Each structure stands twice: as C-alpha cells, then as structure tokens.
C-alpha cells in the first residue's frame, strides 16, 4: 500500500507522526515474520517545502503534490487553526481540493479526519455522499455544506472511495479502514493487534457531553435524547410532550417552527438515522437494531426505514458493504 499524507499549514503534527510510526511498525513486524514490507508512506505539501503545523512545529515533507503521483490512498489530517487563519489559507485549501478531486477521479482512495473533512467538503467531494465529522463541528458542516448526508452518530464512513473519520484521534480508525480496503481485513487486524488498538465498532453519541448538546437547541436536544433512549414503551408524541413538560399542541407548534415538520416525523427521522449508523457500523441482526432504535416490532421499523430511505434495512446494509468493498 502506497500512502500519501497531505500536509497543509496548521495540520495536526501528531497524526502525521502517528501514521508513519504505525506503518513503520507494521513493516517491521512483517519483516520479522519473513514477509515483505507492504507499506510505503510519503508526506507531501503543496510546494514541497516544510509545513508549520497547528502547534507550531515544523513538519518535514518528502515532496510536493504531483498530478502524476501514484498512490493507493491519500490522507488529509485535521487542522488546528482559527477561523481567521482558515480564511487566509483558503487559496491553499482550494489548490489542495483541486488535486484531491483529480486524484479521486483517477481512482485513489481519499480519507480525512476531524476538521480535515471540511477540505473534502469544500472540494465538493462529499456532496450527496455519506460522511461524518467530530460531534462539535457537525453544526458548522451542516450549515456550510447542506448537500452532505451527515452520519451524526458514526465514527467512520466510507462511500465511493471517500472515507471520513470523526475525532482528532480518529486517524487511527481512518488508517485501519484504508489498510483494510487496500490490503484486506487480515492485514488491518494484524496492524491493530500489534499496536494494541481497540477496533470495536462504536458510535459518537457516547462521547457527546450533555452540556454541549443542550447548548445547541435545548428543546430539540432534549427531545433527541429522549427519542434515542431505549425504554419499555416506544416514544410517542404524547409521551414526548409529557417528558418535555409541554402540551401536544404546544409541542407540535414548536417543532413546526424549529424543524418545519411535526414531532412524529422528527421521532421517525431520528430513529431511522440511528438505525442507519448501526447498520453501517455493526453486525447486529435487523431485529436487534429495530429494538435499539425504539421500535417494538420489526415490521414497523422496516416500514419506517423504507419510507425514508426507499429501501429495506437489508438492502441498505448490503449496498453499504458493497460500496465499501468497491471503494
């Protein structure tokens, strides 16, 4: 696997060093086992000159981006810059985005994590595609790029040879997914085992602080938490209104104002969104996912899922797996 790391001013130095270290360790382990090294990694900048990372350290690079470059995959690290600096760096982002578009068109895998996802979004690579980003940047991503199919719960997504990972340390998940897509699950598992990385599937929702969620929109956030909290009885509009201390009429009015849809549609949409993430990131049976998503019976779940996605849960999972393999 030939991997390129695209270093732009303000990038996360720790991720670049970590990626290089994991691949070097993997090569070492394979050599010790009598196998050939599988990984080659280069760090590239736009002009071939060293780049100053977000923490102030200078990142040495191996060369400049090249239209004729031949890589299996390219990783775009997250960055540590404020909005003023990001505005100044827009010409660099535009140039990097143009190169990434060309590389993707030429068949390369493109991956980004944390705020690096914005670079892919700005390049148009995520329009009408499933993607994720760290939980505290989701509102900004939705506002700036509404055409993205945001998987709010997902730690990682893979669609059409584009892989997105959520948090600042999720470059580990991203790297392992790219290794799996190029070298296969066995090699990815070997790399994870030797660096003692937990590859258990998970969602972002367990990491989101309640205080942060409440600051976004108190009513909708509380409603979202209530809808996704599994209980003995399914959530209804009447139960939701009671839990929020509102009449059904007031709840309906507020939801129309905030979401332009009735609360029942909100409940169904959040349940199905949660189920989509579980279908993508776990191997749980459909019946278990239906129950986790808040449906008493599998039939009601299938009906709601098909209404919003125009396909069955099984077809959705199969399509996601197929697109991931093809990626």
C-alpha atoms as a PDB file:
ATOM      1  CA  UNK A   1       0.000   0.000   0.000  1.00  0.00           C
ATOM      2  CA  UNK A   2       1.361   3.373  -1.034  1.00  0.00           C
ATOM      3  CA  UNK A   3       0.018   6.137   1.167  1.00  0.00           C
ATOM      4  CA  UNK A   4       0.360   9.903   0.899  1.00  0.00           C
ATOM      5  CA  UNK A   5      -0.307  12.331   3.748  1.00  0.00           C
ATOM      6  CA  UNK A   6      -1.241  15.811   2.569  1.00  0.00           C
ATOM      7  CA  UNK A   7       0.260  18.354   4.980  1.00  0.00           C
ATOM      8  CA  UNK A   8      -1.206  21.856   4.837  1.00  0.00           C
ATOM      9  CA  UNK A   9      -0.323  24.729   7.179  1.00  0.00           C
ATOM     10  CA  UNK A  10      -1.982  24.222  10.557  1.00  0.00           C
ATOM     11  CA  UNK A  11      -2.247  20.433  10.262  1.00  0.00           C
ATOM     12  CA  UNK A  12      -2.089  18.098  13.270  1.00  0.00           C
ATOM     13  CA  UNK A  13       1.519  17.026  13.634  1.00  0.00           C
ATOM     14  CA  UNK A  14       0.731  14.134  15.986  1.00  0.00           C
ATOM     15  CA  UNK A  15      -1.414  12.405  13.363  1.00  0.00           C
ATOM     16  CA  UNK A  16       1.281  12.569  10.689  1.00  0.00           C
ATOM     17  CA  UNK A  17       3.907  11.171  13.050  1.00  0.00           C
ATOM     18  CA  UNK A  18       1.496   8.518  14.329  1.00  0.00           C
ATOM     19  CA  UNK A  19       0.548   7.289  10.873  1.00  0.00           C
ATOM     20  CA  UNK A  20       4.210   6.969   9.881  1.00  0.00           C
ATOM     21  CA  UNK A  21       5.015   5.126  13.116  1.00  0.00           C
ATOM     22  CA  UNK A  22       2.184   2.595  12.767  1.00  0.00           C
ATOM     23  CA  UNK A  23       3.111   1.778   9.167  1.00  0.00           C
ATOM     24  CA  UNK A  24       6.811   1.503  10.081  1.00  0.00           C
ATOM     25  CA  UNK A  25       5.932  -0.848  12.930  1.00  0.00           C
ATOM     26  CA  UNK A  26       3.734  -2.931  10.624  1.00  0.00           C
ATOM     27  CA  UNK A  27       6.587  -3.263   8.121  1.00  0.00           C
ATOM     28  CA  UNK A  28       8.951  -4.270  10.923  1.00  0.00           C
ATOM     29  CA  UNK A  29       6.573  -6.963  12.172  1.00  0.00           C
ATOM     30  CA  UNK A  30       6.150  -8.375   8.684  1.00  0.00           C
ATOM     31  CA  UNK A  31       9.901  -8.465   8.086  1.00  0.00           C
ATOM     32  CA  UNK A  32      10.369 -10.291  11.396  1.00  0.00           C
ATOM     33  CA  UNK A  33       7.809 -12.844  10.189  1.00  0.00           C
ATOM     34  CA  UNK A  34       9.658 -13.361   6.936  1.00  0.00           C
ATOM     35  CA  UNK A  35       7.233 -11.350   4.817  1.00  0.00           C
ATOM     36  CA  UNK A  36       7.935  -8.411   2.559  1.00  0.00           C
ATOM     37  CA  UNK A  37       7.146  -4.891   3.719  1.00  0.00           C
ATOM     38  CA  UNK A  38       3.717  -3.816   2.496  1.00  0.00           C
ATOM     39  CA  UNK A  39       3.618  -0.119   3.314  1.00  0.00           C
ATOM     40  CA  UNK A  40       5.245   2.965   1.837  1.00  0.00           C
ATOM     41  CA  UNK A  41       4.334   6.403   3.132  1.00  0.00           C
ATOM     42  CA  UNK A  42       5.165   9.911   1.959  1.00  0.00           C
ATOM     43  CA  UNK A  43       4.257  13.272   3.442  1.00  0.00           C
ATOM     44  CA  UNK A  44       3.543  15.870   0.773  1.00  0.00           C
ATOM     45  CA  UNK A  45       2.979  19.624   0.843  1.00  0.00           C
ATOM     46  CA  UNK A  46       1.610  21.867  -1.866  1.00  0.00           C
ATOM     47  CA  UNK A  47       5.051  23.206  -2.832  1.00  0.00           C
ATOM     48  CA  UNK A  48       7.412  20.580  -1.441  1.00  0.00           C
ATOM     49  CA  UNK A  49       8.529  22.837   1.402  1.00  0.00           C
ATOM     50  CA  UNK A  50       8.215  22.039   5.132  1.00  0.00           C
ATOM     51  CA  UNK A  51       4.896  22.982   6.709  1.00  0.00           C
ATOM     52  CA  UNK A  52       4.254  24.630  10.065  1.00  0.00           C
ATOM     53  CA  UNK A  53       1.761  22.532  11.986  1.00  0.00           C
ATOM     54  CA  UNK A  54      -1.032  23.904  14.167  1.00  0.00           C
ATOM     55  CA  UNK A  55       1.017  23.562  17.339  1.00  0.00           C
ATOM     56  CA  UNK A  56       3.934  25.494  15.839  1.00  0.00           C
ATOM     57  CA  UNK A  57       6.203  22.570  14.990  1.00  0.00           C
ATOM     58  CA  UNK A  58       7.717  22.378  11.524  1.00  0.00           C
ATOM     59  CA  UNK A  59       6.738  19.236   9.627  1.00  0.00           C
ATOM     60  CA  UNK A  60       9.364  17.966   7.145  1.00  0.00           C
ATOM     61  CA  UNK A  61       7.932  16.609   3.894  1.00  0.00           C
ATOM     62  CA  UNK A  62       9.111  14.210   1.210  1.00  0.00           C
ATOM     63  CA  UNK A  63       7.994  16.263  -1.762  1.00  0.00           C
ATOM     64  CA  UNK A  64       5.259  18.260  -3.461  1.00  0.00           C
ATOM     65  CA  UNK A  65       1.877  17.152  -4.782  1.00  0.00           C
ATOM     66  CA  UNK A  66       2.100  15.958  -8.362  1.00  0.00           C
ATOM     67  CA  UNK A  67      -0.623  15.285 -10.916  1.00  0.00           C
ATOM     68  CA  UNK A  68       1.257  12.155 -11.973  1.00  0.00           C
ATOM     69  CA  UNK A  69       1.573  10.825  -8.425  1.00  0.00           C
ATOM     70  CA  UNK A  70       0.660   7.180  -7.920  1.00  0.00           C
ATOM     71  CA  UNK A  71      -0.771   6.310  -4.547  1.00  0.00           C
ATOM     72  CA  UNK A  72      -3.341   3.836  -3.303  1.00  0.00           C
ATOM     73  CA  UNK A  73      -4.690   6.286  -0.742  1.00  0.00           C
ATOM     74  CA  UNK A  74      -4.312   9.872   0.464  1.00  0.00           C
ATOM     75  CA  UNK A  75      -4.994  11.107   3.985  1.00  0.00           C
ATOM     76  CA  UNK A  76      -5.956  14.694   4.835  1.00  0.00           C
ATOM     77  CA  UNK A  77      -5.202  15.405   8.522  1.00  0.00           C
ATOM     78  CA  UNK A  78      -7.346  17.619  10.700  1.00  0.00           C
ATOM     79  CA  UNK A  79      -6.075  21.127  11.376  1.00  0.00           C
ATOM     80  CA  UNK A  80      -5.607  23.367  14.398  1.00  0.00           C
ATOM     81  CA  UNK A  81      -6.370  26.849  13.083  1.00  0.00           C
ATOM     82  CA  UNK A  82      -8.863  29.547  13.982  1.00  0.00           C
ATOM     83  CA  UNK A  83     -11.365  30.994  11.523  1.00  0.00           C
ATOM     84  CA  UNK A  84      -9.172  33.998  10.694  1.00  0.00           C
ATOM     85  CA  UNK A  85      -6.257  31.747   9.765  1.00  0.00           C
ATOM     86  CA  UNK A  86      -8.571  29.410   7.878  1.00  0.00           C
ATOM     87  CA  UNK A  87      -9.760  32.340   5.781  1.00  0.00           C
ATOM     88  CA  UNK A  88      -6.154  33.231   4.957  1.00  0.00           C
ATOM     89  CA  UNK A  89      -5.470  29.641   3.952  1.00  0.00           C
ATOM     90  CA  UNK A  90      -8.398  29.423   1.521  1.00  0.00           C
ATOM     91  CA  UNK A  91      -6.153  29.622  -1.593  1.00  0.00           C
ATOM     92  CA  UNK A  92      -4.125  26.692  -0.238  1.00  0.00           C
ATOM     93  CA  UNK A  93      -7.285  24.742   0.531  1.00  0.00           C
ATOM     94  CA  UNK A  94      -8.586  25.398  -2.990  1.00  0.00           C
ATOM     95  CA  UNK A  95      -5.383  24.118  -4.558  1.00  0.00           C
ATOM     96  CA  UNK A  96      -5.341  21.065  -2.313  1.00  0.00           C
ATOM     97  CA  UNK A  97      -9.006  20.398  -3.105  1.00  0.00           C
ATOM     98  CA  UNK A  98      -8.394  20.534  -6.855  1.00  0.00           C
ATOM     99  CA  UNK A  99      -5.567  17.995  -6.506  1.00  0.00           C
ATOM    100  CA  UNK A 100      -7.713  15.705  -4.358  1.00  0.00           C
ATOM    101  CA  UNK A 101     -10.572  15.841  -6.886  1.00  0.00           C
ATOM    102  CA  UNK A 102      -8.189  14.805  -9.628  1.00  0.00           C
ATOM    103  CA  UNK A 103      -6.686  12.015  -7.549  1.00  0.00           C
ATOM    104  CA  UNK A 104     -10.148  10.700  -6.672  1.00  0.00           C
ATOM    105  CA  UNK A 105     -11.164  10.809 -10.323  1.00  0.00           C
ATOM    106  CA  UNK A 106      -8.048   8.770 -11.086  1.00  0.00           C
ATOM    107  CA  UNK A 107      -9.164   6.032  -8.701  1.00  0.00           C
ATOM    108  CA  UNK A 108      -7.392   6.952  -5.472  1.00  0.00           C
ATOM    109  CA  UNK A 109      -8.896   6.404  -2.026  1.00  0.00           C
ATOM    110  CA  UNK A 110      -9.275   9.721  -0.217  1.00  0.00           C
ATOM    111  CA  UNK A 111      -9.527   9.916   3.572  1.00  0.00           C
ATOM    112  CA  UNK A 112      -9.888  12.778   6.045  1.00  0.00           C
ATOM    113  CA  UNK A 113     -10.482  13.051   9.760  1.00  0.00           C
ATOM    114  CA  UNK A 114     -11.784  15.704  12.149  1.00  0.00           C
ATOM    115  CA  UNK A 115     -11.606  19.231  10.639  1.00  0.00           C
ATOM    116  CA  UNK A 116      -9.818  17.818   7.587  1.00  0.00           C
ATOM    117  CA  UNK A 117     -13.287  16.737   6.441  1.00  0.00           C
ATOM    118  CA  UNK A 118     -14.001  20.416   5.678  1.00  0.00           C
ATOM    119  CA  UNK A 119     -11.304  20.359   2.996  1.00  0.00           C
ATOM    120  CA  UNK A 120     -13.036  17.458   1.255  1.00  0.00           C
ATOM    121  CA  UNK A 121     -16.394  19.189   1.644  1.00  0.00           C
ATOM    122  CA  UNK A 122     -15.041  22.428   0.189  1.00  0.00           C
ATOM    123  CA  UNK A 123     -13.690  20.472  -2.773  1.00  0.00           C
ATOM    124  CA  UNK A 124     -17.180  19.115  -3.486  1.00  0.00           C
ATOM    125  CA  UNK A 125     -16.118  15.540  -2.812  1.00  0.00           C
ATOM    126  CA  UNK A 126     -18.786  14.971  -0.158  1.00  0.00           C
ATOM    127  CA  UNK A 127     -21.842  16.381  -1.937  1.00  0.00           C
ATOM    128  CA  UNK A 128     -24.686  13.841  -1.806  1.00  0.00           C
ATOM    129  CA  UNK A 129     -22.398  11.359  -0.072  1.00  0.00           C
ATOM    130  CA  UNK A 130     -22.496   9.866   3.411  1.00  0.00           C
ATOM    131  CA  UNK A 131     -19.877  11.468   5.676  1.00  0.00           C
ATOM    132  CA  UNK A 132     -19.085  12.139   9.313  1.00  0.00           C
ATOM    133  CA  UNK A 133     -17.127  14.635  11.376  1.00  0.00           C
ATOM    134  CA  UNK A 134     -16.404  15.143  15.060  1.00  0.00           C
ATOM    135  CA  UNK A 135     -19.542  15.981  17.052  1.00  0.00           C
ATOM    136  CA  UNK A 136     -18.669  19.605  17.892  1.00  0.00           C
ATOM    137  CA  UNK A 137     -18.167  20.507  14.203  1.00  0.00           C
ATOM    138  CA  UNK A 138     -21.360  18.931  12.875  1.00  0.00           C
ATOM    139  CA  UNK A 139     -23.463  22.089  13.092  1.00  0.00           C
ATOM    140  CA  UNK A 140     -20.936  24.091  11.098  1.00  0.00           C
ATOM    141  CA  UNK A 141     -20.593  21.350   8.491  1.00  0.00           C
ATOM    142  CA  UNK A 142     -24.377  21.138   8.056  1.00  0.00           C
ATOM    143  CA  UNK A 143     -24.644  24.909   7.680  1.00  0.00           C
ATOM    144  CA  UNK A 144     -21.795  25.278   5.196  1.00  0.00           C
ATOM    145  CA  UNK A 145     -22.449  22.106   3.183  1.00  0.00           C
ATOM    146  CA  UNK A 146     -26.134  21.104   3.375  1.00  0.00           C
ATOM    147  CA  UNK A 147     -25.798  18.642   0.458  1.00  0.00           C
ATOM    148  CA  UNK A 148     -23.772  16.238   2.626  1.00  0.00           C
ATOM    149  CA  UNK A 149     -25.575  13.192   4.030  1.00  0.00           C
ATOM    150  CA  UNK A 150     -24.204  13.623   7.559  1.00  0.00           C
ATOM    151  CA  UNK A 151     -23.949  10.480   9.689  1.00  0.00           C
ATOM    152  CA  UNK A 152     -24.044  12.222  13.046  1.00  0.00           C
ATOM    153  CA  UNK A 153     -23.504   9.086  15.149  1.00  0.00           C
ATOM    154  CA  UNK A 154     -20.809   7.468  13.025  1.00  0.00           C
ATOM    155  CA  UNK A 155     -17.138   7.370  13.965  1.00  0.00           C
ATOM    156  CA  UNK A 156     -16.225   6.480  10.386  1.00  0.00           C
ATOM    157  CA  UNK A 157     -17.954   6.385   6.980  1.00  0.00           C
ATOM    158  CA  UNK A 158     -16.828   5.006   3.632  1.00  0.00           C
ATOM    159  CA  UNK A 159     -18.607   5.919   0.406  1.00  0.00           C
ATOM    160  CA  UNK A 160     -17.371   5.873  -3.200  1.00  0.00           C
ATOM    161  CA  UNK A 161     -13.669   5.649  -2.253  1.00  0.00           C
ATOM    162  CA  UNK A 162     -14.003   8.510   0.247  1.00  0.00           C
ATOM    163  CA  UNK A 163     -13.501   7.737   3.927  1.00  0.00           C
ATOM    164  CA  UNK A 164     -14.259  10.193   6.728  1.00  0.00           C
ATOM    165  CA  UNK A 165     -13.422   9.754  10.406  1.00  0.00           C
ATOM    166  CA  UNK A 166     -14.754  11.832  13.273  1.00  0.00           C
ATOM    167  CA  UNK A 167     -12.440  12.992  16.059  1.00  0.00           C
ATOM    168  CA  UNK A 168      -8.887  14.336  16.369  1.00  0.00           C
ATOM    169  CA  UNK A 169      -7.562  10.859  17.243  1.00  0.00           C
ATOM    170  CA  UNK A 170      -9.742   9.002  14.740  1.00  0.00           C
ATOM    171  CA  UNK A 171      -6.860   8.981  12.255  1.00  0.00           C
ATOM    172  CA  UNK A 172      -6.252   5.536  13.736  1.00  0.00           C
ATOM    173  CA  UNK A 173      -9.690   4.334  12.628  1.00  0.00           C
ATOM    174  CA  UNK A 174      -9.186   6.016   9.264  1.00  0.00           C
ATOM    175  CA  UNK A 175      -5.784   4.423   8.676  1.00  0.00           C
ATOM    176  CA  UNK A 176      -7.026   0.948   9.581  1.00  0.00           C
ATOM    177  CA  UNK A 177     -10.038   1.287   7.284  1.00  0.00           C
ATOM    178  CA  UNK A 178      -7.808   2.345   4.380  1.00  0.00           C
ATOM    179  CA  UNK A 179      -5.456  -0.571   5.067  1.00  0.00           C
ATOM    180  CA  UNK A 180      -8.452  -2.905   5.095  1.00  0.00           C
ATOM    181  CA  UNK A 181      -9.728  -1.534   1.779  1.00  0.00           C
ATOM    182  CA  UNK A 182      -6.330  -1.894   0.083  1.00  0.00           C
ATOM    183  CA  UNK A 183      -4.669  -4.855   1.811  1.00  0.00           C
ATOM    184  CA  UNK A 184      -7.625  -6.730   3.267  1.00  0.00           C
ATOM    185  CA  UNK A 185      -9.107  -7.348   6.715  1.00  0.00           C
ATOM    186  CA  UNK A 186      -6.349  -9.721   7.791  1.00  0.00           C
ATOM    187  CA  UNK A 187      -3.551  -7.178   7.409  1.00  0.00           C
ATOM    188  CA  UNK A 188      -5.652  -4.444   9.022  1.00  0.00           C
ATOM    189  CA  UNK A 189      -6.328  -6.714  12.013  1.00  0.00           C
ATOM    190  CA  UNK A 190      -2.616  -7.554  12.257  1.00  0.00           C
ATOM    191  CA  UNK A 191      -1.709  -3.855  12.354  1.00  0.00           C
ATOM    192  CA  UNK A 192      -4.349  -3.184  15.008  1.00  0.00           C
ATOM    193  CA  UNK A 193      -3.204  -6.098  17.160  1.00  0.00           C
ATOM    194  CA  UNK A 194       0.474  -5.205  17.138  1.00  0.00           C
ATOM    195  CA  UNK A 195      -0.103  -1.610  18.191  1.00  0.00           C
ATOM    196  CA  UNK A 196      -2.827  -2.691  20.651  1.00  0.00           C
ATOM    197  CA  UNK A 197      -5.639  -0.685  19.078  1.00  0.00           C
ATOM    198  CA  UNK A 198      -9.249  -1.371  20.010  1.00  0.00           C
ATOM    199  CA  UNK A 199     -11.147  -1.889  16.765  1.00  0.00           C
ATOM    200  CA  UNK A 200     -14.535  -2.399  18.426  1.00  0.00           C
ATOM    201  CA  UNK A 201     -17.296  -0.663  16.496  1.00  0.00           C
ATOM    202  CA  UNK A 202     -18.870   2.291  18.270  1.00  0.00           C
ATOM    203  CA  UNK A 203     -20.794   5.499  17.707  1.00  0.00           C
ATOM    204  CA  UNK A 204     -20.061   9.141  18.562  1.00  0.00           C
ATOM    205  CA  UNK A 205     -23.142   9.549  20.720  1.00  0.00           C
ATOM    206  CA  UNK A 206     -21.391   8.051  23.749  1.00  0.00           C
ATOM    207  CA  UNK A 207     -18.811  10.853  23.653  1.00  0.00           C
ATOM    208  CA  UNK A 208     -21.126  13.848  23.339  1.00  0.00           C
ATOM    209  CA  UNK A 209     -21.312  15.871  26.595  1.00  0.00           C
ATOM    210  CA  UNK A 210     -24.863  16.662  27.640  1.00  0.00           C
ATOM    211  CA  UNK A 211     -23.914  20.281  28.352  1.00  0.00           C
ATOM    212  CA  UNK A 212     -22.737  20.761  24.794  1.00  0.00           C
ATOM    213  CA  UNK A 213     -25.848  19.176  23.343  1.00  0.00           C
ATOM    214  CA  UNK A 214     -28.159  21.319  25.434  1.00  0.00           C
ATOM    215  CA  UNK A 215     -26.390  24.477  24.283  1.00  0.00           C
ATOM    216  CA  UNK A 216     -27.247  23.774  20.639  1.00  0.00           C
ATOM    217  CA  UNK A 217     -31.025  23.905  20.982  1.00  0.00           C
ATOM    218  CA  UNK A 218     -32.448  22.941  24.372  1.00  0.00           C
ATOM    219  CA  UNK A 219     -35.812  21.670  23.172  1.00  0.00           C
ATOM    220  CA  UNK A 220     -34.588  19.658  20.170  1.00  0.00           C
ATOM    221  CA  UNK A 221     -31.601  18.314  22.033  1.00  0.00           C
ATOM    222  CA  UNK A 222     -33.695  17.122  24.959  1.00  0.00           C
ATOM    223  CA  UNK A 223     -36.182  15.616  22.525  1.00  0.00           C
ATOM    224  CA  UNK A 224     -33.391  13.847  20.658  1.00  0.00           C
ATOM    225  CA  UNK A 225     -32.016  12.325  23.854  1.00  0.00           C
ATOM    226  CA  UNK A 226     -35.481  11.144  24.866  1.00  0.00           C
ATOM    227  CA  UNK A 227     -36.182   9.618  21.455  1.00  0.00           C
ATOM    228  CA  UNK A 228     -32.918   7.690  21.403  1.00  0.00           C
ATOM    229  CA  UNK A 229     -33.201   6.478  24.997  1.00  0.00           C
ATOM    230  CA  UNK A 230     -34.493   2.933  24.881  1.00  0.00           C
ATOM    231  CA  UNK A 231     -37.292   2.083  27.273  1.00  0.00           C
ATOM    232  CA  UNK A 232     -40.037  -0.448  27.843  1.00  0.00           C
ATOM    233  CA  UNK A 233     -42.522   1.515  25.737  1.00  0.00           C
ATOM    234  CA  UNK A 234     -41.852   3.235  22.379  1.00  0.00           C
ATOM    235  CA  UNK A 235     -41.681   7.007  22.292  1.00  0.00           C
ATOM    236  CA  UNK A 236     -44.876   8.693  21.116  1.00  0.00           C
ATOM    237  CA  UNK A 237     -45.756  12.339  20.612  1.00  0.00           C
ATOM    238  CA  UNK A 238     -47.879  12.230  23.774  1.00  0.00           C
ATOM    239  CA  UNK A 239     -45.066  10.727  25.864  1.00  0.00           C
ATOM    240  CA  UNK A 240     -42.527  13.154  24.387  1.00  0.00           C
ATOM    241  CA  UNK A 241     -44.718  16.146  25.165  1.00  0.00           C
ATOM    242  CA  UNK A 242     -45.192  14.945  28.738  1.00  0.00           C
ATOM    243  CA  UNK A 243     -41.458  14.356  29.218  1.00  0.00           C
ATOM    244  CA  UNK A 244     -40.745  17.876  27.955  1.00  0.00           C
ATOM    245  CA  UNK A 245     -43.452  19.425  30.128  1.00  0.00           C
ATOM    246  CA  UNK A 246     -45.499  20.648  27.163  1.00  0.00           C
ATOM    247  CA  UNK A 247     -48.956  20.052  25.765  1.00  0.00           C
ATOM    248  CA  UNK A 248     -49.121  18.128  22.483  1.00  0.00           C
ATOM    249  CA  UNK A 249     -50.408  21.246  20.762  1.00  0.00           C
ATOM    250  CA  UNK A 250     -47.504  23.377  22.034  1.00  0.00           C
ATOM    251  CA  UNK A 251     -45.012  20.652  21.121  1.00  0.00           C
ATOM    252  CA  UNK A 252     -46.394  20.475  17.591  1.00  0.00           C
ATOM    253  CA  UNK A 253     -46.206  24.262  17.196  1.00  0.00           C
ATOM    254  CA  UNK A 254     -42.628  24.450  18.441  1.00  0.00           C
ATOM    255  CA  UNK A 255     -41.478  21.627  16.191  1.00  0.00           C
ATOM    256  CA  UNK A 256     -43.093  23.236  13.168  1.00  0.00           C
ATOM    257  CA  UNK A 257     -41.216  26.443  13.985  1.00  0.00           C
ATOM    258  CA  UNK A 258     -37.856  24.760  14.575  1.00  0.00           C
ATOM    259  CA  UNK A 259     -37.857  21.868  12.088  1.00  0.00           C
ATOM    260  CA  UNK A 260     -40.743  22.635   9.698  1.00  0.00           C
ATOM    261  CA  UNK A 261     -42.170  19.173  10.404  1.00  0.00           C
ATOM    262  CA  UNK A 262     -44.399  17.620  13.096  1.00  0.00           C
ATOM    263  CA  UNK A 263     -42.827  15.889  16.111  1.00  0.00           C
ATOM    264  CA  UNK A 264     -43.866  12.455  14.840  1.00  0.00           C
ATOM    265  CA  UNK A 265     -41.715  12.975  11.719  1.00  0.00           C
ATOM    266  CA  UNK A 266     -38.820  14.073  13.932  1.00  0.00           C
ATOM    267  CA  UNK A 267     -39.138  10.932  16.043  1.00  0.00           C
ATOM    268  CA  UNK A 268     -39.156   8.670  12.990  1.00  0.00           C
ATOM    269  CA  UNK A 269     -36.254  10.501  11.330  1.00  0.00           C
ATOM    270  CA  UNK A 270     -34.015  10.281  14.418  1.00  0.00           C
ATOM    271  CA  UNK A 271     -34.822   6.608  14.926  1.00  0.00           C
ATOM    272  CA  UNK A 272     -34.025   5.744  11.326  1.00  0.00           C
ATOM    273  CA  UNK A 273     -30.836   7.838  11.389  1.00  0.00           C
ATOM    274  CA  UNK A 274     -29.678   5.901  14.445  1.00  0.00           C
ATOM    275  CA  UNK A 275     -30.560   2.630  12.728  1.00  0.00           C
ATOM    276  CA  UNK A 276     -28.595   3.610   9.602  1.00  0.00           C
ATOM    277  CA  UNK A 277     -25.479   4.115  11.687  1.00  0.00           C
ATOM    278  CA  UNK A 278     -25.961   0.746  13.403  1.00  0.00           C
ATOM    279  CA  UNK A 279     -26.427  -0.964  10.039  1.00  0.00           C
ATOM    280  CA  UNK A 280     -23.195   0.606   8.811  1.00  0.00           C
ATOM    281  CA  UNK A 281     -21.037   0.085  11.871  1.00  0.00           C
ATOM    282  CA  UNK A 282     -22.248  -3.155  13.488  1.00  0.00           C
ATOM    283  CA  UNK A 283     -23.236  -6.687  12.503  1.00  0.00           C
ATOM    284  CA  UNK A 284     -26.288  -6.718  14.764  1.00  0.00           C
ATOM    285  CA  UNK A 285     -29.340  -8.505  13.311  1.00  0.00           C
ATOM    286  CA  UNK A 286     -32.144  -6.348  11.971  1.00  0.00           C
ATOM    287  CA  UNK A 287     -34.455  -7.305  14.834  1.00  0.00           C
ATOM    288  CA  UNK A 288     -31.943  -6.111  17.430  1.00  0.00           C
ATOM    289  CA  UNK A 289     -31.355  -2.856  15.554  1.00  0.00           C
ATOM    290  CA  UNK A 290     -35.103  -2.240  15.355  1.00  0.00           C
ATOM    291  CA  UNK A 291     -35.373  -2.647  19.120  1.00  0.00           C
ATOM    292  CA  UNK A 292     -32.348  -0.415  19.784  1.00  0.00           C
ATOM    293  CA  UNK A 293     -33.798   2.257  17.504  1.00  0.00           C
ATOM    294  CA  UNK A 294     -37.011   2.279  19.553  1.00  0.00           C
ATOM    295  CA  UNK A 295     -39.391   0.046  17.580  1.00  0.00           C
ATOM    296  CA  UNK A 296     -41.488  -2.593  19.321  1.00  0.00           C
ATOM    297  CA  UNK A 297     -41.808  -4.747  16.234  1.00  0.00           C
ATOM    298  CA  UNK A 298     -39.596  -5.329  13.227  1.00  0.00           C
ATOM    299  CA  UNK A 299     -42.406  -4.733  10.750  1.00  0.00           C
ATOM    300  CA  UNK A 300     -42.972  -1.123  11.885  1.00  0.00           C
ATOM    301  CA  UNK A 301     -39.244  -0.499  11.726  1.00  0.00           C
ATOM    302  CA  UNK A 302     -38.966  -1.846   8.183  1.00  0.00           C
ATOM    303  CA  UNK A 303     -41.895   0.290   7.054  1.00  0.00           C
ATOM    304  CA  UNK A 304     -40.427   3.484   8.550  1.00  0.00           C
ATOM    305  CA  UNK A 305     -36.949   2.714   7.233  1.00  0.00           C
ATOM    306  CA  UNK A 306     -38.224   2.118   3.698  1.00  0.00           C
ATOM    307  CA  UNK A 307     -40.289   5.310   3.807  1.00  0.00           C
ATOM    308  CA  UNK A 308     -37.220   7.468   4.495  1.00  0.00           C
ATOM    309  CA  UNK A 309     -34.526   5.585   2.574  1.00  0.00           C
ATOM    310  CA  UNK A 310     -36.592   3.970  -0.190  1.00  0.00           C
ATOM    311  CA  UNK A 311     -35.026   0.583   0.548  1.00  0.00           C
ATOM    312  CA  UNK A 312     -35.182  -2.170   3.127  1.00  0.00           C
ATOM    313  CA  UNK A 313     -32.706  -2.356   6.034  1.00  0.00           C
ATOM    314  CA  UNK A 314     -31.113  -5.470   4.483  1.00  0.00           C
ATOM    315  CA  UNK A 315     -30.715  -3.764   1.110  1.00  0.00           C
ATOM    316  CA  UNK A 316     -29.250  -0.694   2.779  1.00  0.00           C
ATOM    317  CA  UNK A 317     -26.671  -2.750   4.683  1.00  0.00           C
ATOM    318  CA  UNK A 318     -25.792  -4.778   1.558  1.00  0.00           C
ATOM    319  CA  UNK A 319     -25.393  -1.620  -0.512  1.00  0.00           C
ATOM    320  CA  UNK A 320     -23.179  -0.012   2.121  1.00  0.00           C
ATOM    321  CA  UNK A 321     -20.972  -3.122   2.304  1.00  0.00           C
ATOM    322  CA  UNK A 322     -20.753  -3.299  -1.492  1.00  0.00           C
ATOM    323  CA  UNK A 323     -19.797   0.376  -1.848  1.00  0.00           C
ATOM    324  CA  UNK A 324     -17.216  -0.001   0.910  1.00  0.00           C
ATOM    325  CA  UNK A 325     -15.621  -3.014  -0.800  1.00  0.00           C
ATOM    326  CA  UNK A 326     -15.657  -1.316  -4.203  1.00  0.00           C
ATOM    327  CA  UNK A 327     -14.132   1.810  -2.614  1.00  0.00           C
END
